[in-house]
Amino acid sequence: AHVGNLVPEILHYDAELYLIVMERLSPHIIMRQGTIRATVYPDFAGHITDYLARSLFFTSDIAMKAGDKKALV
């Protein structure tokens, strides 16, 4: 919820089977492979900082009350 469309949507989760079904991200590129091919990702810095800021701040003690945060775990 905090990072919007920066992560795949979880379609199903089964704790007993250790199973996660996510949306298909096709065609997607594994960044490691692109980096080996010297692909330039001009928006990477902005995307990764946005993702980290949203995922780390909005779930931190600064942004959430202790009870609300505990309820998420």
PDB file of N, CA and C in Angstrom:
ATOM      1  N   ALA A   1       0.818  -1.196   0.000  1.00  0.00           N
ATOM      2  CA  ALA A   1       0.000   0.000   0.000  1.00  0.00           C
ATOM      3  C   ALA A   1       0.857   1.253   0.000  1.00  0.00           C
ATOM      4  N   HIS A   2       1.952   1.212   0.709  1.00  0.00           N
ATOM      5  CA  HIS A   2       2.785   2.409   0.822  1.00  0.00           C
ATOM      6  C   HIS A   2       3.610   2.679  -0.421  1.00  0.00           C
ATOM      7  N   VAL A   3       3.951   1.650  -1.158  1.00  0.00           N
ATOM      8  CA  VAL A   3       4.838   1.833  -2.305  1.00  0.00           C
ATOM      9  C   VAL A   3       4.114   1.764  -3.647  1.00  0.00           C
ATOM     10  N   GLY A   4       2.816   1.674  -3.622  1.00  0.00           N
ATOM     11  CA  GLY A   4       2.027   1.720  -4.849  1.00  0.00           C
ATOM     12  C   GLY A   4       2.411   0.673  -5.875  1.00  0.00           C
ATOM     13  N   ASN A   5       2.670   1.131  -7.085  1.00  0.00           N
ATOM     14  CA  ASN A   5       2.945   0.194  -8.182  1.00  0.00           C
ATOM     15  C   ASN A   5       4.426  -0.161  -8.308  1.00  0.00           C
ATOM     16  N   LEU A   6       5.211   0.061  -7.263  1.00  0.00           N
ATOM     17  CA  LEU A   6       6.644  -0.245  -7.318  1.00  0.00           C
ATOM     18  C   LEU A   6       6.956  -1.697  -6.972  1.00  0.00           C
ATOM     19  N   VAL A   7       5.971  -2.453  -6.553  1.00  0.00           N
ATOM     20  CA  VAL A   7       6.155  -3.879  -6.255  1.00  0.00           C
ATOM     21  C   VAL A   7       5.006  -4.656  -6.898  1.00  0.00           C
ATOM     22  N   PRO A   8       5.206  -5.926  -7.203  1.00  0.00           N
ATOM     23  CA  PRO A   8       4.126  -6.719  -7.795  1.00  0.00           C
ATOM     24  C   PRO A   8       2.965  -6.911  -6.816  1.00  0.00           C
ATOM     25  N   GLU A   9       1.777  -7.007  -7.354  1.00  0.00           N
ATOM     26  CA  GLU A   9       0.595  -7.251  -6.523  1.00  0.00           C
ATOM     27  C   GLU A   9       0.593  -8.712  -6.069  1.00  0.00           C
ATOM     28  N   ILE A  10       0.341  -8.926  -4.780  1.00  0.00           N
ATOM     29  CA  ILE A  10       0.224 -10.284  -4.240  1.00  0.00           C
ATOM     30  C   ILE A  10      -1.201 -10.761  -4.515  1.00  0.00           C
ATOM     31  N   LEU A  11      -1.324 -11.842  -5.243  1.00  0.00           N
ATOM     32  CA  LEU A  11      -2.640 -12.368  -5.602  1.00  0.00           C
ATOM     33  C   LEU A  11      -3.127 -13.428  -4.623  1.00  0.00           C
ATOM     34  N   HIS A  12      -2.182 -14.179  -4.043  1.00  0.00           N
ATOM     35  CA  HIS A  12      -2.562 -15.224  -3.096  1.00  0.00           C
ATOM     36  C   HIS A  12      -1.371 -15.555  -2.218  1.00  0.00           C
ATOM     37  N   TYR A  13      -1.654 -15.864  -0.946  1.00  0.00           N
ATOM     38  CA  TYR A  13      -0.608 -16.285  -0.016  1.00  0.00           C
ATOM     39  C   TYR A  13      -1.131 -17.453   0.800  1.00  0.00           C
ATOM     40  N   ASP A  14      -0.336 -18.517   0.905  1.00  0.00           N
ATOM     41  CA  ASP A  14      -0.691 -19.685   1.701  1.00  0.00           C
ATOM     42  C   ASP A  14       0.462 -19.980   2.648  1.00  0.00           C
ATOM     43  N   ALA A  15       0.259 -19.702   3.939  1.00  0.00           N
ATOM     44  CA  ALA A  15       1.319 -19.870   4.938  1.00  0.00           C
ATOM     45  C   ALA A  15       1.708 -21.331   5.122  1.00  0.00           C
ATOM     46  N   GLU A  16       0.744 -22.229   5.039  1.00  0.00           N
ATOM     47  CA  GLU A  16       1.050 -23.653   5.241  1.00  0.00           C
ATOM     48  C   GLU A  16       1.914 -24.223   4.118  1.00  0.00           C
ATOM     49  N   LEU A  17       1.676 -23.778   2.908  1.00  0.00           N
ATOM     50  CA  LEU A  17       2.436 -24.274   1.758  1.00  0.00           C
ATOM     51  C   LEU A  17       3.638 -23.389   1.429  1.00  0.00           C
ATOM     52  N   TYR A  18       3.800 -22.299   2.179  1.00  0.00           N
ATOM     53  CA  TYR A  18       4.865 -21.330   1.883  1.00  0.00           C
ATOM     54  C   TYR A  18       4.768 -20.875   0.425  1.00  0.00           C
ATOM     55  N   LEU A  19       3.571 -20.485   0.027  1.00  0.00           N
ATOM     56  CA  LEU A  19       3.287 -20.169  -1.367  1.00  0.00           C
ATOM     57  C   LEU A  19       2.864 -18.716  -1.512  1.00  0.00           C
ATOM     58  N   ILE A  20       3.460 -18.035  -2.459  1.00  0.00           N
ATOM     59  CA  ILE A  20       3.059 -16.674  -2.802  1.00  0.00           C
ATOM     60  C   ILE A  20       2.800 -16.648  -4.304  1.00  0.00           C
ATOM     61  N   VAL A  21       1.636 -16.136  -4.699  1.00  0.00           N
ATOM     62  CA  VAL A  21       1.315 -15.951  -6.109  1.00  0.00           C
ATOM     63  C   VAL A  21       1.266 -14.449  -6.351  1.00  0.00           C
ATOM     64  N   MET A  22       2.103 -13.986  -7.296  1.00  0.00           N
ATOM     65  CA  MET A  22       2.173 -12.562  -7.608  1.00  0.00           C
ATOM     66  C   MET A  22       1.768 -12.320  -9.050  1.00  0.00           C
ATOM     67  N   GLU A  23       1.450 -11.055  -9.346  1.00  0.00           N
ATOM     68  CA  GLU A  23       1.134 -10.702 -10.722  1.00  0.00           C
ATOM     69  C   GLU A  23       2.356 -10.925 -11.609  1.00  0.00           C
ATOM     70  N   ARG A  24       2.085 -11.231 -12.842  1.00  0.00           N
ATOM     71  CA  ARG A  24       3.172 -11.467 -13.802  1.00  0.00           C
ATOM     72  C   ARG A  24       3.714 -10.123 -14.275  1.00  0.00           C
ATOM     73  N   LEU A  25       5.006  -9.982 -14.237  1.00  0.00           N
ATOM     74  CA  LEU A  25       5.653  -8.745 -14.662  1.00  0.00           C
ATOM     75  C   LEU A  25       6.368  -8.986 -15.988  1.00  0.00           C
ATOM     76  N   SER A  26       5.600  -9.220 -17.000  1.00  0.00           N
ATOM     77  CA  SER A  26       6.185  -9.553 -18.290  1.00  0.00           C
ATOM     78  C   SER A  26       5.917  -8.428 -19.283  1.00  0.00           C
ATOM     79  N   PRO A  27       6.859  -8.061 -20.069  1.00  0.00           N
ATOM     80  CA  PRO A  27       8.249  -8.501 -20.003  1.00  0.00           C
ATOM     81  C   PRO A  27       9.016  -7.631 -19.009  1.00  0.00           C
ATOM     82  N   HIS A  28       9.620  -8.242 -18.044  1.00  0.00           N
ATOM     83  CA  HIS A  28      10.443  -7.467 -17.118  1.00  0.00           C
ATOM     84  C   HIS A  28      11.900  -7.867 -17.285  1.00  0.00           C
ATOM     85  N   ILE A  29      12.766  -6.980 -16.835  1.00  0.00           N
ATOM     86  CA  ILE A  29      14.204  -7.199 -16.983  1.00  0.00           C
ATOM     87  C   ILE A  29      14.804  -7.397 -15.605  1.00  0.00           C
ATOM     88  N   ILE A  30      15.598  -8.433 -15.444  1.00  0.00           N
ATOM     89  CA  ILE A  30      16.347  -8.598 -14.207  1.00  0.00           C
ATOM     90  C   ILE A  30      17.503  -7.612 -14.281  1.00  0.00           C
ATOM     91  N   MET A  31      17.554  -6.692 -13.337  1.00  0.00           N
ATOM     92  CA  MET A  31      18.514  -5.602 -13.423  1.00  0.00           C
ATOM     93  C   MET A  31      19.960  -6.091 -13.492  1.00  0.00           C
ATOM     94  N   ARG A  32      20.250  -7.178 -12.828  1.00  0.00           N
ATOM     95  CA  ARG A  32      21.621  -7.713 -12.866  1.00  0.00           C
ATOM     96  C   ARG A  32      22.036  -8.029 -14.301  1.00  0.00           C
ATOM     97  N   GLN A  33      21.121  -8.644 -15.055  1.00  0.00           N
ATOM     98  CA  GLN A  33      21.434  -8.983 -16.449  1.00  0.00           C
ATOM     99  C   GLN A  33      21.631  -7.729 -17.294  1.00  0.00           C
ATOM    100  N   GLY A  34      20.786  -6.742 -17.080  1.00  0.00           N
ATOM    101  CA  GLY A  34      20.929  -5.486 -17.813  1.00  0.00           C
ATOM    102  C   GLY A  34      22.213  -4.761 -17.464  1.00  0.00           C
ATOM    103  N   THR A  35      22.591  -4.798 -16.202  1.00  0.00           N
ATOM    104  CA  THR A  35      23.825  -4.144 -15.772  1.00  0.00           C
ATOM    105  C   THR A  35      25.041  -4.818 -16.404  1.00  0.00           C
ATOM    106  N   ILE A  36      25.027  -6.132 -16.493  1.00  0.00           N
ATOM    107  CA  ILE A  36      26.125  -6.854 -17.146  1.00  0.00           C
ATOM    108  C   ILE A  36      26.236  -6.435 -18.612  1.00  0.00           C
ATOM    109  N   ARG A  37      25.103  -6.165 -19.249  1.00  0.00           N
ATOM    110  CA  ARG A  37      25.098  -5.723 -20.651  1.00  0.00           C
ATOM    111  C   ARG A  37      25.330  -4.218 -20.784  1.00  0.00           C
ATOM    112  N   ALA A  38      25.626  -3.555 -19.658  1.00  0.00           N
ATOM    113  CA  ALA A  38      25.892  -2.107 -19.624  1.00  0.00           C
ATOM    114  C   ALA A  38      24.657  -1.279 -19.974  1.00  0.00           C
ATOM    115  N   THR A  39      23.476  -1.799 -19.652  1.00  0.00           N
ATOM    116  CA  THR A  39      22.246  -1.045 -19.844  1.00  0.00           C
ATOM    117  C   THR A  39      22.205   0.096 -18.836  1.00  0.00           C
ATOM    118  N   VAL A  40      21.816   1.279 -19.302  1.00  0.00           N
ATOM    119  CA  VAL A  40      21.706   2.443 -18.424  1.00  0.00           C
ATOM    120  C   VAL A  40      20.253   2.569 -17.982  1.00  0.00           C
ATOM    121  N   TYR A  41      20.053   2.738 -16.695  1.00  0.00           N
ATOM    122  CA  TYR A  41      18.716   2.920 -16.127  1.00  0.00           C
ATOM    123  C   TYR A  41      18.625   4.345 -15.593  1.00  0.00           C
ATOM    124  N   PRO A  42      18.200   5.303 -16.430  1.00  0.00           N
ATOM    125  CA  PRO A  42      18.226   6.707 -16.025  1.00  0.00           C
ATOM    126  C   PRO A  42      17.284   7.043 -14.867  1.00  0.00           C
ATOM    127  N   ASP A  43      16.235   6.261 -14.665  1.00  0.00           N
ATOM    128  CA  ASP A  43      15.272   6.551 -13.597  1.00  0.00           C
ATOM    129  C   ASP A  43      15.506   5.724 -12.345  1.00  0.00           C
ATOM    130  N   PHE A  44      16.551   4.898 -12.332  1.00  0.00           N
ATOM    131  CA  PHE A  44      16.769   3.993 -11.208  1.00  0.00           C
ATOM    132  C   PHE A  44      16.927   4.727  -9.881  1.00  0.00           C
ATOM    133  N   ALA A  45      17.740   5.760  -9.836  1.00  0.00           N
ATOM    134  CA  ALA A  45      17.981   6.474  -8.572  1.00  0.00           C
ATOM    135  C   ALA A  45      16.674   7.012  -7.998  1.00  0.00           C
ATOM    136  N   GLY A  46      15.852   7.604  -8.841  1.00  0.00           N
ATOM    137  CA  GLY A  46      14.568   8.123  -8.378  1.00  0.00           C
ATOM    138  C   GLY A  46      13.627   7.026  -7.925  1.00  0.00           C
ATOM    139  N   HIS A  47      13.578   5.933  -8.674  1.00  0.00           N
ATOM    140  CA  HIS A  47      12.690   4.821  -8.322  1.00  0.00           C
ATOM    141  C   HIS A  47      13.107   4.149  -7.015  1.00  0.00           C
ATOM    142  N   ILE A  48      14.407   3.885  -6.850  1.00  0.00           N
ATOM    143  CA  ILE A  48      14.844   3.172  -5.648  1.00  0.00           C
ATOM    144  C   ILE A  48      14.721   4.058  -4.413  1.00  0.00           C
ATOM    145  N   THR A  49      15.004   5.360  -4.547  1.00  0.00           N
ATOM    146  CA  THR A  49      14.867   6.238  -3.376  1.00  0.00           C
ATOM    147  C   THR A  49      13.402   6.417  -3.005  1.00  0.00           C
ATOM    148  N   ASP A  50      12.524   6.493  -3.994  1.00  0.00           N
ATOM    149  CA  ASP A  50      11.087   6.593  -3.710  1.00  0.00           C
ATOM    150  C   ASP A  50      10.600   5.336  -2.998  1.00  0.00           C
ATOM    151  N   TYR A  51      11.004   4.174  -3.501  1.00  0.00           N
ATOM    152  CA  TYR A  51      10.620   2.906  -2.879  1.00  0.00           C
ATOM    153  C   TYR A  51      11.121   2.826  -1.436  1.00  0.00           C
ATOM    154  N   LEU A  52      12.397   3.115  -1.220  1.00  0.00           N
ATOM    155  CA  LEU A  52      12.964   3.031   0.129  1.00  0.00           C
ATOM    156  C   LEU A  52      12.309   4.029   1.075  1.00  0.00           C
ATOM    157  N   ALA A  53      12.119   5.254   0.613  1.00  0.00           N
ATOM    158  CA  ALA A  53      11.504   6.268   1.468  1.00  0.00           C
ATOM    159  C   ALA A  53      10.090   5.861   1.876  1.00  0.00           C
ATOM    160  N   ARG A  54       9.294   5.424   0.910  1.00  0.00           N
ATOM    161  CA  ARG A  54       7.909   5.042   1.208  1.00  0.00           C
ATOM    162  C   ARG A  54       7.836   3.799   2.093  1.00  0.00           C
ATOM    163  N   SER A  55       8.639   2.794   1.785  1.00  0.00           N
ATOM    164  CA  SER A  55       8.546   1.545   2.546  1.00  0.00           C
ATOM    165  C   SER A  55       9.156   1.676   3.933  1.00  0.00           C
ATOM    166  N   LEU A  56      10.209   2.452   4.082  1.00  0.00           N
ATOM    167  CA  LEU A  56      10.864   2.566   5.385  1.00  0.00           C
ATOM    168  C   LEU A  56      10.220   3.626   6.268  1.00  0.00           C
ATOM    169  N   PHE A  57       9.888   4.802   5.715  1.00  0.00           N
ATOM    170  CA  PHE A  57       9.324   5.856   6.555  1.00  0.00           C
ATOM    171  C   PHE A  57       7.914   5.525   7.031  1.00  0.00           C
ATOM    172  N   PHE A  58       7.035   5.174   6.114  1.00  0.00           N
ATOM    173  CA  PHE A  58       5.624   5.005   6.474  1.00  0.00           C
ATOM    174  C   PHE A  58       5.360   3.814   7.388  1.00  0.00           C
ATOM    175  N   THR A  59       6.346   2.955   7.575  1.00  0.00           N
ATOM    176  CA  THR A  59       6.203   1.848   8.522  1.00  0.00           C
ATOM    177  C   THR A  59       7.133   2.021   9.727  1.00  0.00           C
ATOM    178  N   SER A  60       7.633   3.235   9.918  1.00  0.00           N
ATOM    179  CA  SER A  60       8.562   3.503  11.023  1.00  0.00           C
ATOM    180  C   SER A  60       7.818   4.002  12.260  1.00  0.00           C
ATOM    181  N   ASP A  61       8.543   4.068  13.373  1.00  0.00           N
ATOM    182  CA  ASP A  61       7.975   4.596  14.615  1.00  0.00           C
ATOM    183  C   ASP A  61       7.652   6.077  14.498  1.00  0.00           C
ATOM    184  N   ILE A  62       8.307   6.776  13.601  1.00  0.00           N
ATOM    185  CA  ILE A  62       8.050   8.207  13.411  1.00  0.00           C
ATOM    186  C   ILE A  62       6.687   8.416  12.767  1.00  0.00           C
ATOM    187  N   ALA A  63       6.340   7.589  11.809  1.00  0.00           N
ATOM    188  CA  ALA A  63       5.109   7.775  11.045  1.00  0.00           C
ATOM    189  C   ALA A  63       3.901   7.065  11.637  1.00  0.00           C
ATOM    190  N   MET A  64       4.122   6.020  12.435  1.00  0.00           N
ATOM    191  CA  MET A  64       3.006   5.229  12.949  1.00  0.00           C
ATOM    192  C   MET A  64       3.007   5.180  14.468  1.00  0.00           C
ATOM    193  N   LYS A  65       1.820   5.115  15.023  1.00  0.00           N
ATOM    194  CA  LYS A  65       1.697   4.881  16.462  1.00  0.00           C
ATOM    195  C   LYS A  65       2.086   3.430  16.745  1.00  0.00           C
ATOM    196  N   ALA A  66       2.634   3.191  17.920  1.00  0.00           N
ATOM    197  CA  ALA A  66       3.129   1.857  18.282  1.00  0.00           C
ATOM    198  C   ALA A  66       2.047   0.787  18.137  1.00  0.00           C
ATOM    199  N   GLY A  67       0.836   1.075  18.592  1.00  0.00           N
ATOM    200  CA  GLY A  67      -0.255   0.099  18.510  1.00  0.00           C
ATOM    201  C   GLY A  67      -0.633  -0.227  17.077  1.00  0.00           C
ATOM    202  N   ASP A  68      -0.659   0.802  16.222  1.00  0.00           N
ATOM    203  CA  ASP A  68      -0.984   0.582  14.811  1.00  0.00           C
ATOM    204  C   ASP A  68       0.089  -0.270  14.135  1.00  0.00           C
ATOM    205  N   LYS A  69       1.339   0.024  14.468  1.00  0.00           N
ATOM    206  CA  LYS A  69       2.447  -0.731  13.877  1.00  0.00           C
ATOM    207  C   LYS A  69       2.416  -2.189  14.337  1.00  0.00           C
ATOM    208  N   LYS A  70       2.143  -2.396  15.617  1.00  0.00           N
ATOM    209  CA  LYS A  70       2.097  -3.753  16.164  1.00  0.00           C
ATOM    210  C   LYS A  70       0.962  -4.561  15.531  1.00  0.00           C
ATOM    211  N   ALA A  71      -0.135  -3.901  15.213  1.00  0.00           N
ATOM    212  CA  ALA A  71      -1.282  -4.584  14.607  1.00  0.00           C
ATOM    213  C   ALA A  71      -0.953  -5.125  13.212  1.00  0.00           C
ATOM    214  N   LEU A  72       0.037  -4.541  12.555  1.00  0.00           N
ATOM    215  CA  LEU A  72       0.422  -4.997  11.220  1.00  0.00           C
ATOM    216  C   LEU A  72       1.238  -6.277  11.245  1.00  0.00           C
ATOM    217  N   VAL A  73       1.857  -6.575  12.381  1.00  0.00           N
ATOM    218  CA  VAL A  73       2.764  -7.726  12.459  1.00  0.00           C
ATOM    219  C   VAL A  73       2.007  -9.000  12.754  1.00  0.00           C
TER     220      VAL A  73
END
